[in-house]
Amino acid sequence: MKSKIITLIVFCVTTFGFAQNIDTFFEDTNAFLEAHVKNGRVNYKAIQKNPAQLEKILTATNSIKIDKSDAAAYQAFWINIYNLSVIKGIVEKYPVKSPLDIKGFFDKTTHAVGGKKITLNDIEHKLLRGQFADARFHFVLVCAGLGCPPIIAEAYLPNTLDEQLDKQTRIALNSNDFIKVNTKKKRVQLSEIMKWYKEDFIQNGTEIDFINQYREEKIAKKSKISYYPYNWNLNKTK
């Protein structure tokens, strides 16, 4: 009986400690983004002057493990880690004009986060896209280029993740900066994101079918599609 009580106490303490760690991660991430992100742009200069807060948040993720069966918490955790790791990677080399100026930024540089040593591409393609068929990831994973949908000044949270994914997808797909429509000629220019990851957007129809799920002004289904050049200029504050 005594051993069962001890086991129960250990389980409760461990569970509480985990919940506290993950809650702290989301709270600290939210505070960090609120302080350093404005209008979809990041104040890399200010972060570089005082990187301790960002480093502390990312280091703390190594004591957190979330199973993918807890889908909302897992996705929110890794989406935030991706965006924070992008910021850290830029800050370490700042000033730069583009993430592409940093050799191996997405596919070679590893980050010690979430109990793993992993690249940005691995977070996106293996931990998120590779586990869940949700094209909305492309509207919340921010690559530090202006061609990406804008980073938001708040953390993605498990209990609001679905609404946040929907909101950011709608913002992008209703923006004239992201979707360029010529209704007279029935032509539409899409971000190259939709070219590079076309398979994600045609799981239940065409690219236009996907776009029209979220767009207020629908695009004619027979519109001719092309893709405009991606803007890799850095999303720094002006």
Protein backbone atom coordinates (compact mmCIF):
# COMPACT_ATOMS: atom_id res chain seq x y z
CA MET A 1 0.00 0.00 0.00
CA LYS A 2 2.79 2.39 0.96
CA SER A 3 4.63 1.77 -2.32
CA LYS A 4 1.44 2.52 -4.29
CA ILE A 5 1.02 5.83 -2.49
CA ILE A 6 4.65 6.78 -3.21
CA THR A 7 4.20 5.85 -6.87
CA LEU A 8 1.05 7.98 -7.06
CA ILE A 9 2.82 10.95 -5.46
CA VAL A 10 5.75 10.67 -7.89
CA PHE A 11 3.33 10.46 -10.83
CA CYS A 12 1.40 13.53 -9.65
CA VAL A 13 4.58 15.56 -9.07
CA THR A 14 5.97 14.56 -12.49
CA THR A 15 2.70 15.38 -14.24
CA PHE A 16 2.44 18.73 -12.47
CA GLY A 17 6.06 19.52 -13.33
CA PHE A 18 5.44 18.73 -17.01
CA ALA A 19 2.28 20.85 -17.14
CA GLN A 20 4.14 23.71 -15.46
CA ASN A 21 7.02 23.44 -17.95
CA ILE A 22 4.81 23.46 -21.04
CA ASP A 23 2.61 26.27 -19.70
CA THR A 24 5.70 28.31 -18.90
CA PHE A 25 7.01 27.73 -22.43
CA PHE A 26 3.83 29.08 -24.01
CA GLU A 27 3.65 32.02 -21.58
CA ASP A 28 7.30 32.99 -22.12
CA THR A 29 7.00 32.61 -25.89
CA ASN A 30 3.94 34.83 -25.91
CA ALA A 31 5.70 37.51 -23.86
CA PHE A 32 8.78 37.38 -26.09
CA LEU A 33 6.80 37.72 -29.33
CA GLU A 34 4.63 40.51 -27.92
CA ALA A 35 7.79 42.45 -27.09
CA HIS A 36 9.70 41.92 -30.34
CA VAL A 37 7.16 41.50 -33.18
CA LYS A 38 5.11 44.30 -34.70
CA ASN A 39 3.07 44.34 -37.91
CA GLY A 40 4.50 41.02 -39.05
CA ARG A 41 8.11 42.09 -38.62
CA VAL A 42 10.79 41.21 -36.07
CA ASN A 43 13.07 43.58 -34.17
CA TYR A 44 16.22 41.49 -34.66
CA LYS A 45 18.48 44.36 -33.59
CA ALA A 46 16.88 44.61 -30.16
CA ILE A 47 16.96 40.83 -29.66
CA GLN A 48 20.63 40.71 -30.63
CA LYS A 49 21.43 43.27 -27.92
CA ASN A 50 19.75 41.07 -25.32
CA PRO A 51 19.38 37.47 -26.52
CA ALA A 52 19.11 35.92 -23.05
CA GLN A 53 15.30 35.69 -23.02
CA LEU A 54 15.17 33.86 -26.35
CA GLU A 55 18.00 31.51 -25.43
CA LYS A 56 16.34 30.69 -22.11
CA ILE A 57 13.03 29.82 -23.79
CA LEU A 58 14.64 27.53 -26.37
CA THR A 59 16.95 25.85 -23.85
CA ALA A 60 13.96 25.09 -21.61
CA THR A 61 12.26 23.15 -24.43
CA ASN A 62 14.80 20.37 -23.97
CA SER A 63 13.07 19.36 -20.73
CA ILE A 64 9.68 19.08 -22.47
CA LYS A 65 8.47 16.05 -24.39
CA ILE A 66 5.05 15.99 -26.05
CA ASP A 67 3.66 12.98 -27.86
CA LYS A 68 2.08 13.58 -31.26
CA SER A 69 -1.09 11.88 -29.97
CA ASP A 70 -1.70 15.16 -28.12
CA ALA A 71 -1.92 16.80 -31.53
CA ALA A 72 -2.80 20.38 -30.61
CA ALA A 73 -0.12 20.69 -27.92
CA TYR A 74 2.47 18.94 -30.12
CA GLN A 75 1.76 21.16 -33.14
CA ALA A 76 1.67 24.39 -31.14
CA PHE A 77 4.92 23.42 -29.41
CA TRP A 78 6.83 22.75 -32.64
CA ILE A 79 5.34 25.67 -34.59
CA ASN A 80 6.54 28.05 -31.88
CA ILE A 81 9.93 26.33 -31.70
CA TYR A 82 10.32 26.68 -35.47
CA ASN A 83 9.56 30.40 -35.45
CA LEU A 84 11.77 31.07 -32.41
CA SER A 85 14.63 29.05 -33.93
CA VAL A 86 14.37 31.05 -37.16
CA ILE A 87 14.67 34.25 -35.12
CA LYS A 88 17.65 32.88 -33.19
CA GLY A 89 19.37 31.83 -36.42
CA ILE A 90 18.98 35.32 -37.87
CA VAL A 91 20.06 37.06 -34.66
CA GLU A 92 23.27 35.01 -34.52
CA LYS A 93 24.32 36.34 -37.96
CA TYR A 94 22.63 39.75 -37.92
CA PRO A 95 22.83 42.03 -39.82
CA VAL A 96 21.86 40.03 -42.91
CA LYS A 97 19.57 40.95 -45.79
CA SER A 98 17.99 37.52 -46.18
CA PRO A 99 17.94 34.11 -44.47
CA LEU A 100 19.40 32.76 -47.71
CA ASP A 101 22.55 34.78 -47.00
CA ILE A 102 23.26 32.29 -44.20
CA LYS A 103 24.66 29.06 -45.64
CA GLY A 104 22.65 26.00 -44.63
CA PHE A 105 20.15 28.09 -42.69
CA PHE A 106 17.25 25.70 -43.31
CA ASP A 107 18.86 22.36 -44.10
CA LYS A 108 22.27 22.22 -42.37
CA THR A 109 22.26 24.29 -39.18
CA THR A 110 21.02 22.23 -36.23
CA HIS A 111 19.15 23.56 -33.20
CA ALA A 112 19.18 21.90 -29.78
CA VAL A 113 15.45 22.13 -29.04
CA GLY A 114 12.68 19.88 -27.81
CA GLY A 115 15.19 17.25 -26.71
CA LYS A 116 16.57 16.94 -30.27
CA LYS A 117 19.35 18.34 -32.45
CA ILE A 118 17.40 19.21 -35.53
CA THR A 119 17.29 21.48 -38.59
CA LEU A 120 14.49 23.85 -39.47
CA ASN A 121 13.61 21.70 -42.47
CA ASP A 122 13.30 18.65 -40.24
CA ILE A 123 10.91 20.45 -37.90
CA GLU A 124 8.75 21.51 -40.83
CA HIS A 125 8.87 18.40 -43.00
CA LYS A 126 9.36 15.54 -40.53
CA LEU A 127 7.77 16.66 -37.27
CA LEU A 128 4.85 18.66 -38.69
CA ARG A 129 4.06 18.03 -42.38
CA GLY A 130 5.30 14.46 -42.09
CA GLN A 131 2.92 13.69 -39.23
CA PHE A 132 -0.18 15.75 -40.07
CA ALA A 133 -1.84 16.51 -43.40
CA ASP A 134 -2.64 20.17 -42.73
CA ALA A 135 -1.73 22.72 -45.40
CA ARG A 136 -2.41 25.53 -42.92
CA PHE A 137 1.07 24.98 -41.45
CA HIS A 138 2.42 26.98 -44.39
CA PHE A 139 0.70 30.10 -43.08
CA VAL A 140 2.15 29.96 -39.57
CA LEU A 141 5.72 28.70 -40.11
CA VAL A 142 7.63 31.91 -40.79
CA CYS A 143 10.93 31.66 -42.67
CA ALA A 144 12.13 35.25 -41.98
CA GLY A 145 11.49 36.32 -45.58
CA LEU A 146 8.88 38.92 -46.50
CA GLY A 147 7.38 36.40 -48.93
CA CYS A 148 6.26 34.32 -45.96
CA PRO A 149 2.91 34.99 -44.32
CA PRO A 150 3.56 37.43 -41.46
CA ILE A 151 4.73 36.33 -38.04
CA ILE A 152 2.25 37.19 -35.28
CA ALA A 153 2.97 38.88 -31.97
CA GLU A 154 1.64 36.00 -29.89
CA ALA A 155 2.32 32.33 -29.24
CA TYR A 156 0.36 29.53 -30.86
CA LEU A 157 -1.50 27.78 -28.04
CA PRO A 158 -3.04 24.29 -27.89
CA ASN A 159 -6.53 25.48 -26.93
CA THR A 160 -6.69 28.12 -29.68
CA LEU A 161 -4.48 26.53 -32.34
CA ASP A 162 -7.22 25.55 -34.79
CA GLU A 163 -8.67 29.08 -34.73
CA GLN A 164 -5.19 30.59 -35.09
CA LEU A 165 -4.37 28.35 -38.06
CA ASP A 166 -7.64 29.30 -39.71
CA LYS A 167 -7.16 33.01 -39.02
CA GLN A 168 -3.64 33.17 -40.46
CA THR A 169 -4.67 31.14 -43.51
CA ARG A 170 -7.59 33.51 -44.15
CA ILE A 171 -5.39 36.59 -43.74
CA ALA A 172 -2.87 35.31 -46.28
CA LEU A 173 -5.36 34.05 -48.84
CA ASN A 174 -7.40 37.28 -48.74
CA SER A 175 -4.31 39.49 -49.06
CA ASN A 176 -3.51 41.12 -52.39
CA ASP A 177 0.15 40.76 -51.45
CA PHE A 178 -0.19 36.97 -51.33
CA ILE A 179 -2.82 36.25 -54.02
CA LYS A 180 -2.80 38.50 -57.10
CA VAL A 181 -6.02 38.18 -59.10
CA ASN A 182 -6.82 39.57 -62.55
CA THR A 183 -10.56 38.91 -62.82
CA LYS A 184 -10.89 40.31 -66.36
CA LYS A 185 -8.31 37.93 -67.81
CA LYS A 186 -9.17 35.11 -65.38
CA ARG A 187 -5.59 34.88 -64.23
CA VAL A 188 -4.26 34.40 -60.71
CA GLN A 189 -0.71 34.66 -59.42
CA LEU A 190 0.06 32.63 -56.34
CA SER A 191 2.93 32.60 -53.87
CA GLU A 192 5.64 30.11 -54.75
CA ILE A 193 4.79 28.42 -51.44
CA MET A 194 1.83 26.94 -53.30
CA LYS A 195 4.14 25.73 -56.06
CA TRP A 196 6.78 24.21 -53.80
CA TYR A 197 4.22 22.41 -51.65
CA LYS A 198 1.50 21.87 -54.22
CA GLU A 199 0.76 18.36 -52.94
CA ASP A 200 -0.35 19.83 -49.61
CA PHE A 201 -2.92 22.10 -51.26
CA ILE A 202 -4.50 19.61 -53.69
CA GLN A 203 -5.39 16.85 -51.22
CA ASN A 204 -9.11 17.55 -51.65
CA GLY A 205 -9.24 19.35 -55.00
CA THR A 206 -7.25 22.03 -56.81
CA GLU A 207 -5.22 24.92 -55.42
CA ILE A 208 -8.14 27.23 -56.24
CA ASP A 209 -10.53 24.93 -54.35
CA PHE A 210 -8.28 25.21 -51.30
CA ILE A 211 -7.97 28.99 -51.61
CA ASN A 212 -11.72 29.49 -52.02
CA GLN A 213 -12.41 27.72 -48.71
CA TYR A 214 -10.85 30.73 -46.98
CA ARG A 215 -11.30 33.57 -49.46
CA GLU A 216 -14.14 36.09 -49.27
CA GLU A 217 -13.91 37.05 -52.95
CA LYS A 218 -13.87 33.66 -54.69
CA ILE A 219 -11.54 32.96 -57.60
CA ALA A 220 -13.00 31.53 -60.82
CA LYS A 221 -12.21 27.82 -60.91
CA LYS A 222 -10.92 27.97 -64.49
CA SER A 223 -8.52 30.82 -63.80
CA LYS A 224 -5.04 30.36 -65.23
CA ILE A 225 -2.48 29.91 -62.43
CA SER A 226 1.07 31.26 -62.36
CA TYR A 227 3.49 31.98 -59.54
CA TYR A 228 5.22 35.27 -58.72
CA PRO A 229 8.85 35.36 -57.46
CA TYR A 230 9.29 34.80 -53.73
CA ASN A 231 10.51 37.77 -51.69
CA TRP A 232 13.40 36.56 -49.54
CA ASN A 233 14.20 40.01 -48.10
CA LEU A 234 14.40 39.92 -44.31
CA ASN A 235 11.21 40.61 -42.32
CA LYS A 236 12.95 43.07 -40.00
CA THR A 237 11.25 46.05 -38.40
CA LYS A 238 11.60 49.27 -40.35
